Amino acid sequence: MTTKTETKMGKPRKDEARKLTKPVSFRLTAADHAAYLAKVEASGMKPSEFFRDAVLENKTQIIARPKASPERGRLLYLMNKASNNINQLAHRANVDHLAGVISEATYNRIISELHMMSHYMKAIINDVD
């Protein structure tokens, strides 16, 4: 006769508290995935066992990202708005150029100026905080 904690074959069942029921997933680049699999292979464990062991036994080193300042958040908001306007201006210049409303020289000057503004904005973002 089998008990509630045994299967018909006599193998003990996992009690409810020890069942693995909550999945965790994450994505990796191809290079990171290869590095991950190499570590898993070297450990002799299955990938899920390796990950559980690394995380639950604190065999990881977490480097917290610095929290963005409120000023950076506001700057990003304004940059997004300005980027949208730059895109609208570029689109309008392109439509007008194709329609023959503005000359090639004017079109090239507009696009060049918009490109410089965009480049400058991207450079500024890296210097905030």
Protein backbone atom coordinates (compact mmCIF):
# COMPACT_ATOMS: atom_id res chain seq x y z
CA MET A 1 0.00 0.00 0.00
CA THR A 2 1.30 3.47 -0.88
CA THR A 3 1.07 6.55 1.28
CA LYS A 4 0.09 10.02 0.13
CA THR A 5 3.77 11.03 -0.15
CA GLU A 6 4.68 8.10 -2.41
CA THR A 7 3.77 7.30 -5.98
CA LYS A 8 2.62 3.83 -7.04
CA MET A 9 6.23 3.00 -7.93
CA GLY A 10 7.40 3.78 -4.37
CA LYS A 11 9.24 6.97 -5.34
CA PRO A 12 8.66 9.80 -2.83
CA ARG A 13 6.70 12.79 -4.14
CA LYS A 14 7.78 16.36 -3.62
CA ASP A 15 5.66 17.97 -0.99
CA GLU A 16 3.60 20.92 -2.17
CA ALA A 17 5.95 23.54 -0.69
CA ARG A 18 8.93 22.19 -2.65
CA LYS A 19 7.28 21.96 -6.08
CA LEU A 20 8.80 24.19 -8.73
CA THR A 21 5.74 26.07 -9.94
CA LYS A 22 6.88 29.68 -10.58
CA PRO A 23 8.73 30.18 -13.90
CA VAL A 24 11.38 32.88 -14.29
CA SER A 25 12.67 33.85 -17.71
CA PHE A 26 15.03 36.39 -19.18
CA ARG A 27 16.59 37.14 -22.55
CA LEU A 28 20.27 37.18 -23.47
CA THR A 29 22.31 38.20 -26.47
CA ALA A 30 23.83 35.32 -28.43
CA ALA A 31 27.25 35.99 -26.86
CA ASP A 32 25.86 36.17 -23.31
CA HIS A 33 23.85 33.01 -23.91
CA ALA A 34 26.97 31.17 -25.06
CA ALA A 35 28.83 32.35 -21.93
CA TYR A 36 25.89 31.28 -19.75
CA LEU A 37 25.77 27.82 -21.35
CA ALA A 38 29.54 27.43 -20.93
CA LYS A 39 29.18 28.13 -17.20
CA VAL A 40 26.24 25.73 -16.97
CA GLU A 41 28.26 23.04 -18.76
CA ALA A 42 31.25 23.57 -16.45
CA SER A 43 28.98 23.29 -13.39
CA GLY A 44 27.60 19.92 -14.40
CA MET A 45 24.09 21.12 -13.56
CA LYS A 46 21.01 21.64 -15.64
CA PRO A 47 20.45 25.29 -16.66
CA SER A 48 17.55 25.76 -14.25
CA GLU A 49 19.53 24.20 -11.37
CA PHE A 50 22.51 26.40 -12.16
CA PHE A 51 20.41 29.57 -12.21
CA ARG A 52 18.57 28.69 -8.98
CA ASP A 53 21.84 27.90 -7.24
CA ALA A 54 23.52 31.11 -8.42
CA VAL A 55 20.62 33.35 -7.40
CA LEU A 56 19.35 31.67 -4.25
CA GLU A 57 22.79 31.02 -2.79
CA ASN A 58 23.88 34.60 -3.55
CA LYS A 59 26.62 33.50 -5.92
CA THR A 60 26.02 36.64 -7.91
CA GLN A 61 27.35 40.15 -7.72
CA ILE A 62 24.73 42.77 -8.34
CA ILE A 63 25.88 46.20 -9.43
CA ALA A 64 23.05 48.64 -8.94
CA ARG A 65 22.50 51.16 -11.68
CA PRO A 66 22.55 54.73 -10.45
CA LYS A 67 19.09 56.19 -10.11
CA ALA A 68 18.36 58.95 -12.59
CA SER A 69 17.87 62.37 -11.07
CA PRO A 70 14.57 64.24 -11.54
CA GLU A 71 16.50 66.69 -13.74
CA ARG A 72 17.57 63.86 -16.05
CA GLY A 73 13.99 62.63 -16.30
CA ARG A 74 12.79 66.12 -17.21
CA LEU A 75 15.63 66.52 -19.72
CA LEU A 76 14.75 63.21 -21.37
CA TYR A 77 11.13 64.29 -21.60
CA LEU A 78 12.10 67.56 -23.27
CA MET A 79 14.58 65.81 -25.58
CA ASN A 80 11.87 63.41 -26.70
CA LYS A 81 9.57 66.34 -27.48
CA ALA A 82 12.34 68.15 -29.38
CA SER A 83 13.27 64.96 -31.26
CA ASN A 84 9.67 64.61 -32.39
CA ASN A 85 9.74 68.19 -33.68
CA ILE A 86 13.04 67.60 -35.48
CA ASN A 87 11.53 64.54 -37.16
CA GLN A 88 8.48 66.56 -38.24
CA LEU A 89 10.70 69.29 -39.70
CA ALA A 90 12.80 66.73 -41.57
CA HIS A 91 9.66 65.10 -42.96
CA ARG A 92 8.28 68.48 -44.07
CA ALA A 93 11.59 69.43 -45.72
CA ASN A 94 11.63 66.10 -47.57
CA VAL A 95 8.02 66.51 -48.79
CA ASP A 96 8.67 70.07 -49.93
CA HIS A 97 11.91 69.08 -51.66
CA LEU A 98 10.21 66.24 -53.53
CA ALA A 99 7.41 68.61 -54.55
CA GLY A 100 9.94 71.16 -55.84
CA VAL A 101 8.90 73.83 -53.30
CA ILE A 102 12.45 74.21 -51.92
CA SER A 103 15.76 73.94 -53.72
CA GLU A 104 18.32 71.18 -53.32
CA ALA A 105 20.68 73.59 -51.51
CA THR A 106 17.98 74.70 -49.04
CA TYR A 107 16.93 71.11 -48.45
CA ASN A 108 20.54 70.03 -47.75
CA ARG A 109 21.06 72.98 -45.35
CA ILE A 110 17.88 72.15 -43.41
CA ILE A 111 18.74 68.46 -43.13
CA SER A 112 22.32 69.28 -42.11
CA GLU A 113 21.13 71.66 -39.36
CA LEU A 114 18.58 69.15 -38.07
CA HIS A 115 21.21 66.42 -38.07
CA MET A 116 23.63 68.63 -36.09
CA MET A 117 20.90 69.44 -33.55
CA SER A 118 20.09 65.77 -33.12
CA HIS A 119 23.76 64.85 -32.75
CA TYR A 120 24.30 67.61 -30.17
CA MET A 121 21.27 66.47 -28.16
CA LYS A 122 22.53 62.88 -28.05
CA ALA A 123 25.95 64.06 -26.88
CA ILE A 124 24.42 66.14 -24.08
CA ILE A 125 22.41 63.23 -22.69
CA ASN A 126 25.61 61.32 -21.88
CA ASP A 127 26.88 64.20 -19.73
CA VAL A 128 23.80 64.49 -17.50
CA ASP A 129 24.07 63.14 -13.94
